[in-house]
Amino acid sequence: MKRVTGIGGIFFKSKDPKSTKEWYAKHLGFNTDEWGAAFITKKVEDPSKNAYLQWSPFSSQTDYFEPSQKEFMINYRVENIEKLVTLLKNEGVTFCDEITSYDYGKFVHIMDEDGNKIELWEPVDEVFDNFYNTKP
């Protein structure tokens, strides 16, 4: 079983997320929206399908990264979150929460040995195909 299949998102704290998004749009050409920017790639196992990486500045006051004290959080794409959670629990990994489900995927948060909160995401990329009008 594959565990992580790629990067799903890069999240970091910003003093002014709106201004940060504007700076990246102006200087680096990011196509930003209310959440940040989405980068579209192709799935290695099926290049006819899209995959998405979300780049998002969060308020420096966010508690979303807790219990980590870090200024960033990485989101990793996974294929079978339920099975992976069972494996990780058996391996003694620290969990921050239980699996939550949304129309765009399932999520769970873990901590690594350096105190970094990690978001695991089993995506439903087709939702983003429709949202960004990028059907393959």
C-alpha atoms as a PDB file:
ATOM      1  CA  MET A   1       0.000   0.000   0.000  1.00  0.00           C
ATOM      2  CA  LYS A   2       1.226   3.479  -0.848  1.00  0.00           C
ATOM      3  CA  ARG A   3       1.227   5.774   2.149  1.00  0.00           C
ATOM      4  CA  VAL A   4       1.933   9.304   0.867  1.00  0.00           C
ATOM      5  CA  THR A   5       1.477   9.946  -2.852  1.00  0.00           C
ATOM      6  CA  GLY A   6       2.539  13.601  -3.008  1.00  0.00           C
ATOM      7  CA  ILE A   7       2.301  17.055  -1.526  1.00  0.00           C
ATOM      8  CA  GLY A   8      -1.253  18.320  -1.162  1.00  0.00           C
ATOM      9  CA  GLY A   9      -0.580  21.702   0.332  1.00  0.00           C
ATOM     10  CA  ILE A  10       1.854  24.170   1.803  1.00  0.00           C
ATOM     11  CA  PHE A  11       0.420  26.264   4.619  1.00  0.00           C
ATOM     12  CA  PHE A  12       2.229  28.998   6.521  1.00  0.00           C
ATOM     13  CA  LYS A  13       1.493  31.827   8.925  1.00  0.00           C
ATOM     14  CA  SER A  14       1.463  35.407   7.670  1.00  0.00           C
ATOM     15  CA  LYS A  15       0.994  38.755   9.425  1.00  0.00           C
ATOM     16  CA  ASP A  16      -1.326  39.800   6.578  1.00  0.00           C
ATOM     17  CA  PRO A  17      -2.525  36.881   4.416  1.00  0.00           C
ATOM     18  CA  LYS A  18      -4.409  39.163   2.000  1.00  0.00           C
ATOM     19  CA  SER A  19      -1.330  41.286   1.358  1.00  0.00           C
ATOM     20  CA  THR A  20       0.830  38.156   1.061  1.00  0.00           C
ATOM     21  CA  LYS A  21      -1.488  36.726  -1.597  1.00  0.00           C
ATOM     22  CA  GLU A  22      -1.414  40.040  -3.456  1.00  0.00           C
ATOM     23  CA  TRP A  23       2.409  40.129  -3.346  1.00  0.00           C
ATOM     24  CA  TYR A  24       2.689  36.585  -4.737  1.00  0.00           C
ATOM     25  CA  ALA A  25       0.123  37.378  -7.429  1.00  0.00           C
ATOM     26  CA  LYS A  26       1.911  40.575  -8.484  1.00  0.00           C
ATOM     27  CA  HIS A  27       5.521  39.432  -8.302  1.00  0.00           C
ATOM     28  CA  LEU A  28       5.365  35.684  -8.940  1.00  0.00           C
ATOM     29  CA  GLY A  29       2.198  35.410 -11.013  1.00  0.00           C
ATOM     30  CA  PHE A  30       0.184  33.279  -8.582  1.00  0.00           C
ATOM     31  CA  ASN A  31      -3.484  32.996  -9.523  1.00  0.00           C
ATOM     32  CA  THR A  32      -4.817  33.634  -6.011  1.00  0.00           C
ATOM     33  CA  ASP A  33      -8.282  33.263  -4.546  1.00  0.00           C
ATOM     34  CA  GLU A  34      -9.730  33.508  -1.041  1.00  0.00           C
ATOM     35  CA  TRP A  35      -7.743  30.443   0.125  1.00  0.00           C
ATOM     36  CA  GLY A  36      -4.425  31.143  -1.593  1.00  0.00           C
ATOM     37  CA  ALA A  37      -3.529  29.471  -4.871  1.00  0.00           C
ATOM     38  CA  ALA A  38      -4.019  26.033  -6.375  1.00  0.00           C
ATOM     39  CA  PHE A  39      -1.371  24.418  -8.533  1.00  0.00           C
ATOM     40  CA  ILE A  40      -2.643  21.826 -10.989  1.00  0.00           C
ATOM     41  CA  THR A  41      -0.578  18.768 -11.866  1.00  0.00           C
ATOM     42  CA  LYS A  42      -1.343  15.389 -13.383  1.00  0.00           C
ATOM     43  CA  LYS A  43      -1.639  12.161 -11.452  1.00  0.00           C
ATOM     44  CA  VAL A  44       1.350   9.938 -12.129  1.00  0.00           C
ATOM     45  CA  GLU A  45      -0.739   6.766 -12.034  1.00  0.00           C
ATOM     46  CA  ASP A  46      -3.316   8.269 -14.416  1.00  0.00           C
ATOM     47  CA  PRO A  47      -2.108  11.357 -16.339  1.00  0.00           C
ATOM     48  CA  SER A  48      -5.602  11.879 -17.738  1.00  0.00           C
ATOM     49  CA  LYS A  49      -6.645  13.083 -14.245  1.00  0.00           C
ATOM     50  CA  ASN A  50      -5.714  16.276 -12.428  1.00  0.00           C
ATOM     51  CA  ALA A  51      -4.183  16.585  -8.966  1.00  0.00           C
ATOM     52  CA  TYR A  52      -4.017  19.761  -6.901  1.00  0.00           C
ATOM     53  CA  LEU A  53      -1.554  21.365  -4.519  1.00  0.00           C
ATOM     54  CA  GLN A  54      -2.927  24.151  -2.329  1.00  0.00           C
ATOM     55  CA  TRP A  55      -0.685  27.062  -1.276  1.00  0.00           C
ATOM     56  CA  SER A  56      -2.231  29.043   1.588  1.00  0.00           C
ATOM     57  CA  PRO A  57      -1.072  31.822   3.883  1.00  0.00           C
ATOM     58  CA  PHE A  58      -2.922  31.688   7.215  1.00  0.00           C
ATOM     59  CA  SER A  59      -3.281  34.442   9.791  1.00  0.00           C
ATOM     60  CA  SER A  60      -0.361  34.533  12.227  1.00  0.00           C
ATOM     61  CA  GLN A  61      -3.044  34.183  14.935  1.00  0.00           C
ATOM     62  CA  THR A  62      -4.421  30.879  13.583  1.00  0.00           C
ATOM     63  CA  ASP A  63      -4.729  27.956  15.935  1.00  0.00           C
ATOM     64  CA  TYR A  64      -5.066  25.533  13.011  1.00  0.00           C
ATOM     65  CA  PHE A  65      -1.422  24.449  13.274  1.00  0.00           C
ATOM     66  CA  GLU A  66      -1.685  23.668  17.019  1.00  0.00           C
ATOM     67  CA  PRO A  67      -0.404  21.848  18.956  1.00  0.00           C
ATOM     68  CA  SER A  68       2.649  22.561  16.779  1.00  0.00           C
ATOM     69  CA  GLN A  69       4.458  25.805  17.537  1.00  0.00           C
ATOM     70  CA  LYS A  70       5.796  25.994  13.961  1.00  0.00           C
ATOM     71  CA  GLU A  71       4.960  28.670  11.428  1.00  0.00           C
ATOM     72  CA  PHE A  72       4.045  26.156   8.723  1.00  0.00           C
ATOM     73  CA  MET A  73       2.213  22.907   8.051  1.00  0.00           C
ATOM     74  CA  ILE A  74       2.572  20.508   5.121  1.00  0.00           C
ATOM     75  CA  ASN A  75      -0.408  18.615   3.714  1.00  0.00           C
ATOM     76  CA  TYR A  76       0.370  15.216   2.186  1.00  0.00           C
ATOM     77  CA  ARG A  77      -1.857  13.403  -0.298  1.00  0.00           C
ATOM     78  CA  VAL A  78      -2.709   9.796   0.617  1.00  0.00           C
ATOM     79  CA  GLU A  79      -4.743   7.062  -1.089  1.00  0.00           C
ATOM     80  CA  ASN A  80      -6.519   5.157   1.695  1.00  0.00           C
ATOM     81  CA  ILE A  81      -6.678   7.272   4.816  1.00  0.00           C
ATOM     82  CA  GLU A  82      -8.573   4.743   6.949  1.00  0.00           C
ATOM     83  CA  LYS A  83      -6.030   1.993   6.334  1.00  0.00           C
ATOM     84  CA  LEU A  84      -3.118   4.416   6.784  1.00  0.00           C
ATOM     85  CA  VAL A  85      -4.522   5.648  10.106  1.00  0.00           C
ATOM     86  CA  THR A  86      -4.705   2.054  11.356  1.00  0.00           C
ATOM     87  CA  LEU A  87      -1.092   1.440  10.327  1.00  0.00           C
ATOM     88  CA  LEU A  88       0.165   4.671  11.876  1.00  0.00           C
ATOM     89  CA  LYS A  89      -1.687   4.039  15.145  1.00  0.00           C
ATOM     90  CA  ASN A  90      -0.118   0.568  15.309  1.00  0.00           C
ATOM     91  CA  GLU A  91       3.273   2.243  14.792  1.00  0.00           C
ATOM     92  CA  GLY A  92       2.681   4.604  17.725  1.00  0.00           C
ATOM     93  CA  VAL A  93       2.247   7.844  15.737  1.00  0.00           C
ATOM     94  CA  THR A  94       0.638  10.719  17.686  1.00  0.00           C
ATOM     95  CA  PHE A  95      -2.754  11.824  16.345  1.00  0.00           C
ATOM     96  CA  CYS A  96      -4.257  15.278  16.864  1.00  0.00           C
ATOM     97  CA  ASP A  97      -7.783  14.325  15.811  1.00  0.00           C
ATOM     98  CA  GLU A  98      -9.957  11.771  14.062  1.00  0.00           C
ATOM     99  CA  ILE A  99     -10.669  11.542  10.329  1.00  0.00           C
ATOM    100  CA  THR A 100     -13.045  14.240   9.076  1.00  0.00           C
ATOM    101  CA  SER A 101     -14.817  14.078   5.712  1.00  0.00           C
ATOM    102  CA  TYR A 102     -15.819  16.819   3.292  1.00  0.00           C
ATOM    103  CA  ASP A 103     -16.966  16.767  -0.322  1.00  0.00           C
ATOM    104  CA  TYR A 104     -13.335  17.466  -1.376  1.00  0.00           C
ATOM    105  CA  GLY A 105     -11.741  14.716   0.709  1.00  0.00           C
ATOM    106  CA  LYS A 106     -10.905  13.189   4.072  1.00  0.00           C
ATOM    107  CA  PHE A 107      -8.416  14.660   6.551  1.00  0.00           C
ATOM    108  CA  VAL A 108      -6.549  13.702   9.693  1.00  0.00           C
ATOM    109  CA  HIS A 109      -3.684  15.391  11.547  1.00  0.00           C
ATOM    110  CA  ILE A 110      -0.608  13.800  13.094  1.00  0.00           C
ATOM    111  CA  MET A 111       2.573  15.033  14.781  1.00  0.00           C
ATOM    112  CA  ASP A 112       6.082  14.114  13.691  1.00  0.00           C
ATOM    113  CA  GLU A 113       8.962  13.621  16.106  1.00  0.00           C
ATOM    114  CA  ASP A 114      10.090  17.256  15.670  1.00  0.00           C
ATOM    115  CA  GLY A 115       6.730  18.686  16.763  1.00  0.00           C
ATOM    116  CA  ASN A 116       5.458  19.482  13.264  1.00  0.00           C
ATOM    117  CA  LYS A 117       1.741  19.046  12.727  1.00  0.00           C
ATOM    118  CA  ILE A 118       1.127  17.174   9.460  1.00  0.00           C
ATOM    119  CA  GLU A 119      -2.148  17.104   7.559  1.00  0.00           C
ATOM    120  CA  LEU A 120      -2.967  13.885   5.688  1.00  0.00           C
ATOM    121  CA  TRP A 121      -5.523  14.282   2.911  1.00  0.00           C
ATOM    122  CA  GLU A 122      -7.309  11.716   0.778  1.00  0.00           C
ATOM    123  CA  PRO A 123      -8.494  14.106  -1.942  1.00  0.00           C
ATOM    124  CA  VAL A 124     -11.500  14.086  -4.219  1.00  0.00           C
ATOM    125  CA  ASP A 125      -9.805  15.974  -7.055  1.00  0.00           C
ATOM    126  CA  GLU A 126     -12.904  16.023  -9.240  1.00  0.00           C
ATOM    127  CA  VAL A 127     -14.425  18.620  -6.884  1.00  0.00           C
ATOM    128  CA  PHE A 128     -11.517  20.940  -7.721  1.00  0.00           C
ATOM    129  CA  ASP A 129     -11.842  20.141 -11.436  1.00  0.00           C
ATOM    130  CA  ASN A 130     -15.359  21.558 -11.217  1.00  0.00           C
ATOM    131  CA  PHE A 131     -14.419  24.494  -8.964  1.00  0.00           C
ATOM    132  CA  TYR A 132     -11.496  25.636 -11.111  1.00  0.00           C
ATOM    133  CA  ASN A 133     -13.154  24.536 -14.373  1.00  0.00           C
ATOM    134  CA  THR A 134     -10.087  22.452 -15.241  1.00  0.00           C
ATOM    135  CA  LYS A 135     -11.564  19.123 -16.254  1.00  0.00           C
ATOM    136  CA  PRO A 136      -8.893  17.016 -17.952  1.00  0.00           C
END
